[in-house]
Amino acid sequence: MATRRIQRELADLSNTPSDQFTAGPASDNDLLIWEAKLTGPATSAYAGGVFSVNLTFSSDYPSNHQRHVKFNTKIYHPNVDEDGSICIGVLKPDVWKPSNKIVDILHSLILILEEPNADDAINTSVAEVMNNPAGGKEKFEKTVKEWIKKYC
């Protein structure tokens, strides 16, 4: 079931390309492991960055909520930890529905680039910087730009 569903989703993504991301299988011989490239939204602190993300799906996708989504590109973000693991709503077991699609995950990733959420942080040190009333937003955005130059 996973292979047919993923093939349909891949075809849908190919037929409706996005200027915010590209995504597909990382190799020709395994449909369950994908690589995506996300373009930092122009109106966000991540503008100018292109971020690589791995998506790994279980053999019973989409029924099983077990998906592994991880940034390969180092990113300074409250919802991404130091090893690239991501904290977003659509991936949480109590939120995931079999009707969700890969494109929903990709749109959620773009959304966290547009609107980092310090209140649902996995990287608390970044969240603390963001929430600091004494110039935290400016320091956060400056560090994001430095990391884009260094890692993207």
N, C-alpha and C. Protein backbone atom coordinates (compact mmCIF):
# COMPACT_ATOMS: atom_id res chain seq x y z
N MET A 1 0.82 -1.20 0.00
CA MET A 1 0.00 0.00 0.00
C MET A 1 0.86 1.26 0.00
N ALA A 2 1.92 1.26 0.79
CA ALA A 2 2.76 2.46 0.88
C ALA A 2 3.34 2.85 -0.47
N THR A 3 3.81 1.86 -1.22
CA THR A 3 4.45 2.16 -2.50
C THR A 3 3.48 2.80 -3.47
N ARG A 4 2.27 2.25 -3.59
CA ARG A 4 1.28 2.84 -4.51
C ARG A 4 0.91 4.25 -4.08
N ARG A 5 0.68 4.42 -2.81
CA ARG A 5 0.30 5.75 -2.31
C ARG A 5 1.42 6.75 -2.56
N ILE A 6 2.65 6.38 -2.26
CA ILE A 6 3.78 7.28 -2.44
C ILE A 6 3.99 7.59 -3.92
N GLN A 7 3.79 6.61 -4.80
CA GLN A 7 3.90 6.86 -6.24
C GLN A 7 2.86 7.88 -6.69
N ARG A 8 1.64 7.78 -6.18
CA ARG A 8 0.59 8.76 -6.52
C ARG A 8 0.97 10.15 -6.01
N GLU A 9 1.48 10.21 -4.79
CA GLU A 9 1.87 11.50 -4.23
C GLU A 9 3.04 12.11 -5.00
N LEU A 10 3.97 11.28 -5.43
CA LEU A 10 5.09 11.76 -6.24
C LEU A 10 4.59 12.31 -7.57
N ALA A 11 3.64 11.62 -8.19
CA ALA A 11 3.06 12.10 -9.45
C ALA A 11 2.34 13.43 -9.23
N ASP A 12 1.59 13.54 -8.13
CA ASP A 12 0.91 14.81 -7.83
C ASP A 12 1.91 15.95 -7.65
N LEU A 13 2.99 15.69 -6.94
CA LEU A 13 4.02 16.71 -6.75
C LEU A 13 4.67 17.10 -8.08
N SER A 14 4.87 16.14 -8.95
CA SER A 14 5.47 16.42 -10.26
C SER A 14 4.53 17.24 -11.14
N ASN A 15 3.23 17.00 -11.00
CA ASN A 15 2.24 17.71 -11.82
C ASN A 15 1.93 19.11 -11.30
N THR A 16 2.23 19.37 -10.04
CA THR A 16 1.97 20.69 -9.46
C THR A 16 3.22 21.18 -8.73
N PRO A 17 4.25 21.57 -9.48
CA PRO A 17 5.50 22.00 -8.83
C PRO A 17 5.30 23.25 -7.97
N SER A 18 6.15 23.38 -6.99
CA SER A 18 6.11 24.51 -6.07
C SER A 18 7.40 25.31 -6.20
N ASP A 19 7.30 26.61 -6.01
CA ASP A 19 8.51 27.43 -5.99
C ASP A 19 9.13 27.45 -4.59
N GLN A 20 8.48 26.81 -3.62
CA GLN A 20 8.97 26.77 -2.25
C GLN A 20 9.76 25.51 -1.92
N PHE A 21 9.54 24.44 -2.67
CA PHE A 21 10.24 23.19 -2.39
C PHE A 21 10.27 22.28 -3.61
N THR A 22 11.23 21.37 -3.59
CA THR A 22 11.25 20.22 -4.49
C THR A 22 11.39 19.00 -3.59
N ALA A 23 10.84 17.88 -4.04
CA ALA A 23 10.92 16.68 -3.22
C ALA A 23 10.73 15.45 -4.08
N GLY A 24 11.39 14.38 -3.66
CA GLY A 24 11.24 13.11 -4.34
C GLY A 24 12.14 12.08 -3.70
N PRO A 25 12.04 10.83 -4.17
CA PRO A 25 12.88 9.77 -3.63
C PRO A 25 14.36 10.11 -3.74
N ALA A 26 15.11 9.78 -2.71
CA ALA A 26 16.55 10.07 -2.70
C ALA A 26 17.29 9.18 -3.68
N SER A 27 16.71 8.02 -4.01
CA SER A 27 17.32 7.12 -5.00
C SER A 27 16.20 6.43 -5.78
N ASP A 28 16.57 5.82 -6.88
CA ASP A 28 15.58 5.13 -7.71
C ASP A 28 15.11 3.81 -7.12
N ASN A 29 15.83 3.28 -6.15
CA ASN A 29 15.49 1.95 -5.65
C ASN A 29 14.81 1.93 -4.28
N ASP A 30 14.41 3.08 -3.74
CA ASP A 30 13.71 3.09 -2.46
C ASP A 30 12.76 4.28 -2.38
N LEU A 31 11.47 4.02 -2.57
CA LEU A 31 10.46 5.08 -2.53
C LEU A 31 10.19 5.58 -1.11
N LEU A 32 10.66 4.88 -0.10
CA LEU A 32 10.36 5.26 1.28
C LEU A 32 11.31 6.30 1.85
N ILE A 33 12.40 6.58 1.15
CA ILE A 33 13.36 7.58 1.62
C ILE A 33 13.40 8.71 0.60
N TRP A 34 13.02 9.90 1.06
CA TRP A 34 12.94 11.07 0.20
C TRP A 34 13.92 12.14 0.65
N GLU A 35 14.24 13.01 -0.30
CA GLU A 35 14.99 14.23 0.02
C GLU A 35 14.19 15.40 -0.53
N ALA A 36 14.10 16.44 0.27
CA ALA A 36 13.43 17.67 -0.15
C ALA A 36 14.41 18.83 -0.03
N LYS A 37 14.22 19.81 -0.88
CA LYS A 37 14.94 21.08 -0.79
C LYS A 37 13.90 22.16 -0.55
N LEU A 38 14.05 22.88 0.55
CA LEU A 38 13.13 23.95 0.92
C LEU A 38 13.81 25.29 0.69
N THR A 39 13.11 26.20 0.05
CA THR A 39 13.62 27.55 -0.16
C THR A 39 13.07 28.43 0.95
N GLY A 40 13.96 29.12 1.64
CA GLY A 40 13.53 30.02 2.71
C GLY A 40 12.58 31.07 2.16
N PRO A 41 11.39 31.22 2.76
CA PRO A 41 10.43 32.20 2.27
C PRO A 41 11.01 33.61 2.26
N ALA A 42 10.70 34.36 1.22
CA ALA A 42 11.27 35.69 1.02
C ALA A 42 10.96 36.65 2.17
N THR A 43 9.84 36.46 2.84
CA THR A 43 9.44 37.37 3.92
C THR A 43 9.90 36.89 5.29
N SER A 44 10.75 35.89 5.33
CA SER A 44 11.18 35.33 6.61
C SER A 44 12.65 35.58 6.87
N ALA A 45 13.08 35.29 8.07
CA ALA A 45 14.50 35.38 8.41
C ALA A 45 15.32 34.37 7.61
N TYR A 46 14.67 33.35 7.07
CA TYR A 46 15.35 32.27 6.33
C TYR A 46 15.46 32.55 4.83
N ALA A 47 15.06 33.74 4.40
CA ALA A 47 15.17 34.12 2.99
C ALA A 47 16.62 33.98 2.54
N GLY A 48 16.81 33.43 1.35
CA GLY A 48 18.15 33.25 0.81
C GLY A 48 18.75 31.89 1.13
N GLY A 49 18.11 31.14 2.00
CA GLY A 49 18.61 29.81 2.34
C GLY A 49 17.89 28.72 1.57
N VAL A 50 18.61 27.67 1.26
CA VAL A 50 18.02 26.45 0.69
C VAL A 50 18.41 25.32 1.64
N PHE A 51 17.40 24.64 2.15
CA PHE A 51 17.59 23.67 3.21
C PHE A 51 17.23 22.27 2.73
N SER A 52 18.13 21.33 2.97
CA SER A 52 17.92 19.94 2.61
C SER A 52 17.28 19.21 3.79
N VAL A 53 16.25 18.42 3.48
CA VAL A 53 15.52 17.67 4.49
C VAL A 53 15.35 16.23 4.03
N ASN A 54 15.58 15.27 4.92
CA ASN A 54 15.30 13.86 4.64
C ASN A 54 13.95 13.50 5.22
N LEU A 55 13.18 12.74 4.46
CA LEU A 55 11.89 12.21 4.92
C LEU A 55 11.93 10.70 4.73
N THR A 56 11.71 9.95 5.80
CA THR A 56 11.71 8.50 5.73
C THR A 56 10.34 8.01 6.19
N PHE A 57 9.71 7.17 5.37
CA PHE A 57 8.36 6.70 5.64
C PHE A 57 8.38 5.21 5.96
N SER A 58 7.43 4.78 6.79
CA SER A 58 7.33 3.37 7.13
C SER A 58 6.68 2.60 5.98
N SER A 59 6.82 1.30 5.99
CA SER A 59 6.27 0.46 4.92
C SER A 59 4.75 0.43 4.93
N ASP A 60 4.12 0.89 6.02
CA ASP A 60 2.66 0.95 6.04
C ASP A 60 2.15 2.40 6.04
N TYR A 61 2.96 3.30 5.47
CA TYR A 61 2.53 4.68 5.25
C TYR A 61 1.29 4.64 4.36
N PRO A 62 0.28 5.43 4.58
CA PRO A 62 0.16 6.53 5.54
C PRO A 62 -0.51 6.13 6.85
N SER A 63 -0.87 4.86 7.00
CA SER A 63 -1.58 4.43 8.21
C SER A 63 -0.76 4.64 9.47
N ASN A 64 0.49 4.28 9.41
CA ASN A 64 1.37 4.39 10.57
C ASN A 64 1.87 5.82 10.68
N HIS A 65 1.78 6.38 11.86
CA HIS A 65 2.24 7.75 12.06
C HIS A 65 3.76 7.86 12.15
N GLN A 66 4.46 6.74 12.07
CA GLN A 66 5.92 6.78 12.19
C GLN A 66 6.54 7.30 10.90
N ARG A 67 7.01 8.51 10.94
CA ARG A 67 7.76 9.12 9.85
C ARG A 67 8.95 9.79 10.49
N HIS A 68 10.03 9.77 9.80
CA HIS A 68 11.22 10.44 10.32
C HIS A 68 11.54 11.58 9.36
N VAL A 69 11.50 12.79 9.87
CA VAL A 69 11.78 13.98 9.07
C VAL A 69 12.90 14.73 9.76
N LYS A 70 13.94 15.04 9.00
CA LYS A 70 15.13 15.62 9.61
C LYS A 70 15.81 16.58 8.65
N PHE A 71 16.18 17.75 9.15
CA PHE A 71 16.97 18.69 8.36
C PHE A 71 18.39 18.15 8.23
N ASN A 72 18.90 18.12 7.00
CA ASN A 72 20.31 17.79 6.76
C ASN A 72 21.16 19.05 6.89
N THR A 73 20.59 20.17 6.48
CA THR A 73 21.27 21.45 6.55
C THR A 73 21.15 21.97 7.98
N LYS A 74 22.26 22.39 8.57
CA LYS A 74 22.19 23.00 9.90
C LYS A 74 21.34 24.26 9.82
N ILE A 75 20.45 24.40 10.79
CA ILE A 75 19.52 25.52 10.79
C ILE A 75 19.33 25.99 12.23
N TYR A 76 19.33 27.30 12.41
CA TYR A 76 19.11 27.92 13.71
C TYR A 76 17.61 28.17 13.82
N HIS A 77 16.93 27.30 14.56
CA HIS A 77 15.46 27.34 14.58
C HIS A 77 14.94 26.72 15.88
N PRO A 78 13.92 27.32 16.50
CA PRO A 78 13.42 26.78 17.76
C PRO A 78 12.72 25.43 17.62
N ASN A 79 12.25 25.10 16.41
CA ASN A 79 11.51 23.86 16.20
C ASN A 79 12.36 22.76 15.56
N VAL A 80 13.68 22.99 15.52
CA VAL A 80 14.62 22.01 14.97
C VAL A 80 15.77 21.88 15.96
N ASP A 81 16.06 20.65 16.40
CA ASP A 81 17.15 20.50 17.36
C ASP A 81 18.50 20.40 16.66
N GLU A 82 19.55 20.26 17.46
CA GLU A 82 20.92 20.30 16.93
C GLU A 82 21.21 19.21 15.92
N ASP A 83 20.51 18.07 16.02
CA ASP A 83 20.76 16.99 15.05
C ASP A 83 19.81 17.04 13.85
N GLY A 84 18.96 18.07 13.78
CA GLY A 84 18.07 18.25 12.64
C GLY A 84 16.67 17.71 12.82
N SER A 85 16.39 17.06 13.96
CA SER A 85 15.05 16.55 14.21
C SER A 85 14.07 17.72 14.35
N ILE A 86 12.83 17.47 13.95
CA ILE A 86 11.85 18.54 13.80
C ILE A 86 10.66 18.32 14.73
N CYS A 87 10.15 19.42 15.27
CA CYS A 87 8.94 19.40 16.08
C CYS A 87 7.88 20.23 15.35
N ILE A 88 6.96 19.54 14.64
CA ILE A 88 5.84 20.24 14.00
C ILE A 88 4.58 19.42 14.22
N GLY A 89 3.47 20.13 14.28
CA GLY A 89 2.19 19.52 14.62
C GLY A 89 1.80 18.33 13.75
N VAL A 90 1.92 18.46 12.44
CA VAL A 90 1.44 17.42 11.54
C VAL A 90 2.14 16.08 11.77
N LEU A 91 3.33 16.09 12.33
CA LEU A 91 4.08 14.85 12.56
C LEU A 91 3.76 14.20 13.90
N LYS A 92 3.05 14.90 14.76
CA LYS A 92 2.75 14.34 16.08
C LYS A 92 1.73 13.22 15.96
N PRO A 93 1.93 12.13 16.71
CA PRO A 93 1.04 10.96 16.59
C PRO A 93 -0.44 11.28 16.79
N ASP A 94 -0.76 12.20 17.70
CA ASP A 94 -2.16 12.51 17.96
C ASP A 94 -2.76 13.45 16.91
N VAL A 95 -1.94 13.97 16.00
CA VAL A 95 -2.41 14.88 14.96
C VAL A 95 -2.44 14.18 13.59
N TRP A 96 -1.50 13.28 13.36
CA TRP A 96 -1.38 12.63 12.04
C TRP A 96 -2.65 11.84 11.71
N LYS A 97 -3.10 12.00 10.45
CA LYS A 97 -4.22 11.23 9.92
C LYS A 97 -3.76 10.58 8.63
N PRO A 98 -4.25 9.39 8.30
CA PRO A 98 -3.87 8.75 7.04
C PRO A 98 -4.20 9.59 5.81
N SER A 99 -5.11 10.54 5.95
CA SER A 99 -5.44 11.42 4.81
C SER A 99 -4.36 12.48 4.58
N ASN A 100 -3.48 12.68 5.55
CA ASN A 100 -2.36 13.61 5.36
C ASN A 100 -1.46 13.08 4.26
N LYS A 101 -0.79 14.01 3.59
CA LYS A 101 0.09 13.65 2.48
C LYS A 101 1.48 14.24 2.71
N ILE A 102 2.39 13.78 1.89
CA ILE A 102 3.76 14.31 1.94
C ILE A 102 3.76 15.81 1.71
N VAL A 103 2.92 16.28 0.79
CA VAL A 103 2.86 17.71 0.52
C VAL A 103 2.43 18.49 1.77
N ASP A 104 1.60 17.88 2.62
CA ASP A 104 1.20 18.54 3.87
C ASP A 104 2.40 18.71 4.80
N ILE A 105 3.26 17.70 4.84
CA ILE A 105 4.49 17.80 5.64
C ILE A 105 5.36 18.92 5.09
N LEU A 106 5.52 18.96 3.77
CA LEU A 106 6.36 19.99 3.15
C LEU A 106 5.82 21.39 3.41
N HIS A 107 4.50 21.56 3.29
CA HIS A 107 3.91 22.87 3.59
C HIS A 107 4.10 23.24 5.06
N SER A 108 4.02 22.26 5.95
CA SER A 108 4.26 22.53 7.38
C SER A 108 5.70 22.96 7.63
N LEU A 109 6.63 22.37 6.89
CA LEU A 109 8.04 22.77 7.03
C LEU A 109 8.24 24.20 6.55
N ILE A 110 7.61 24.56 5.44
CA ILE A 110 7.70 25.94 4.95
C ILE A 110 7.09 26.89 5.99
N LEU A 111 5.98 26.48 6.58
CA LEU A 111 5.31 27.32 7.59
C LEU A 111 6.22 27.59 8.79
N ILE A 112 6.97 26.58 9.25
CA ILE A 112 7.85 26.86 10.39
C ILE A 112 9.02 27.75 10.00
N LEU A 113 9.36 27.78 8.71
CA LEU A 113 10.37 28.75 8.27
C LEU A 113 9.77 30.16 8.26
N GLU A 114 8.52 30.26 7.88
CA GLU A 114 7.84 31.56 7.87
C GLU A 114 7.55 32.05 9.29
N GLU A 115 7.15 31.12 10.15
CA GLU A 115 6.70 31.47 11.49
C GLU A 115 7.28 30.53 12.54
N PRO A 116 8.55 30.71 12.90
CA PRO A 116 9.12 29.86 13.95
C PRO A 116 8.30 29.99 15.24
N ASN A 117 8.07 28.88 15.91
CA ASN A 117 7.21 28.86 17.08
C ASN A 117 8.02 28.56 18.34
N ALA A 118 8.40 29.61 19.05
CA ALA A 118 9.19 29.44 20.27
C ALA A 118 8.38 28.79 21.39
N ASP A 119 7.04 28.83 21.30
CA ASP A 119 6.20 28.24 22.33
C ASP A 119 6.10 26.72 22.23
N ASP A 120 6.52 26.15 21.09
CA ASP A 120 6.50 24.70 20.89
C ASP A 120 7.91 24.25 20.49
N ALA A 121 8.89 24.74 21.24
CA ALA A 121 10.29 24.56 20.87
C ALA A 121 10.83 23.19 21.25
N ILE A 122 11.66 22.67 20.36
CA ILE A 122 12.46 21.48 20.65
C ILE A 122 13.89 21.94 20.97
N ASN A 123 14.25 23.11 20.46
CA ASN A 123 15.56 23.72 20.71
C ASN A 123 15.33 24.92 21.63
N THR A 124 15.37 24.65 22.92
CA THR A 124 15.00 25.68 23.90
C THR A 124 15.98 26.84 23.95
N SER A 125 17.24 26.61 23.61
CA SER A 125 18.19 27.73 23.64
C SER A 125 17.85 28.76 22.57
N VAL A 126 17.40 28.32 21.40
CA VAL A 126 16.98 29.25 20.36
C VAL A 126 15.69 29.96 20.79
N ALA A 127 14.77 29.21 21.40
CA ALA A 127 13.52 29.81 21.87
C ALA A 127 13.79 30.89 22.92
N GLU A 128 14.76 30.65 23.80
CA GLU A 128 15.09 31.65 24.82
C GLU A 128 15.61 32.93 24.18
N VAL A 129 16.42 32.80 23.14
CA VAL A 129 16.91 33.98 22.43
C VAL A 129 15.73 34.72 21.82
N MET A 130 14.85 34.01 21.13
CA MET A 130 13.69 34.64 20.49
C MET A 130 12.81 35.37 21.49
N ASN A 131 12.62 34.77 22.66
CA ASN A 131 11.71 35.34 23.66
C ASN A 131 12.34 36.41 24.54
N ASN A 132 13.63 36.67 24.38
CA ASN A 132 14.29 37.68 25.19
C ASN A 132 13.78 39.06 24.78
N PRO A 133 13.14 39.79 25.71
CA PRO A 133 12.59 41.10 25.36
C PRO A 133 13.65 42.15 25.04
N ALA A 134 14.89 41.88 25.42
CA ALA A 134 15.97 42.85 25.19
C ALA A 134 16.72 42.50 23.90
N GLY A 135 16.07 42.69 22.77
CA GLY A 135 16.74 42.48 21.48
C GLY A 135 16.80 41.05 21.01
N GLY A 136 15.97 40.19 21.56
CA GLY A 136 15.99 38.78 21.19
C GLY A 136 15.66 38.53 19.73
N LYS A 137 14.65 39.22 19.22
CA LYS A 137 14.25 39.00 17.82
C LYS A 137 15.39 39.37 16.88
N GLU A 138 16.03 40.50 17.13
CA GLU A 138 17.13 40.94 16.28
C GLU A 138 18.31 39.98 16.35
N LYS A 139 18.63 39.51 17.55
CA LYS A 139 19.73 38.56 17.70
C LYS A 139 19.40 37.24 17.00
N PHE A 140 18.16 36.79 17.14
CA PHE A 140 17.72 35.57 16.47
C PHE A 140 17.89 35.71 14.96
N GLU A 141 17.37 36.79 14.38
CA GLU A 141 17.43 36.98 12.93
C GLU A 141 18.87 37.13 12.44
N LYS A 142 19.71 37.79 13.22
CA LYS A 142 21.12 37.93 12.85
C LYS A 142 21.81 36.57 12.82
N THR A 143 21.54 35.74 13.83
CA THR A 143 22.14 34.41 13.88
C THR A 143 21.63 33.54 12.74
N VAL A 144 20.34 33.63 12.42
CA VAL A 144 19.79 32.88 11.29
C VAL A 144 20.56 33.23 10.02
N LYS A 145 20.76 34.52 9.76
CA LYS A 145 21.47 34.96 8.55
C LYS A 145 22.92 34.45 8.55
N GLU A 146 23.57 34.48 9.70
CA GLU A 146 24.94 33.96 9.78
C GLU A 146 24.98 32.47 9.45
N TRP A 147 24.02 31.71 9.95
CA TRP A 147 23.98 30.27 9.68
C TRP A 147 23.66 30.00 8.22
N ILE A 148 22.81 30.82 7.61
CA ILE A 148 22.51 30.64 6.18
C ILE A 148 23.79 30.81 5.38
N LYS A 149 24.55 31.85 5.68
CA LYS A 149 25.81 32.07 4.96
C LYS A 149 26.79 30.92 5.18
N LYS A 150 26.80 30.39 6.38
CA LYS A 150 27.77 29.35 6.73
C LYS A 150 27.38 27.96 6.22
N TYR A 151 26.08 27.61 6.27
CA TYR A 151 25.67 26.23 6.03
C TYR A 151 24.83 25.99 4.78
N CYS A 152 24.24 27.04 4.22
CA CYS A 152 23.36 26.82 3.06
C CYS A 152 24.10 26.93 1.73
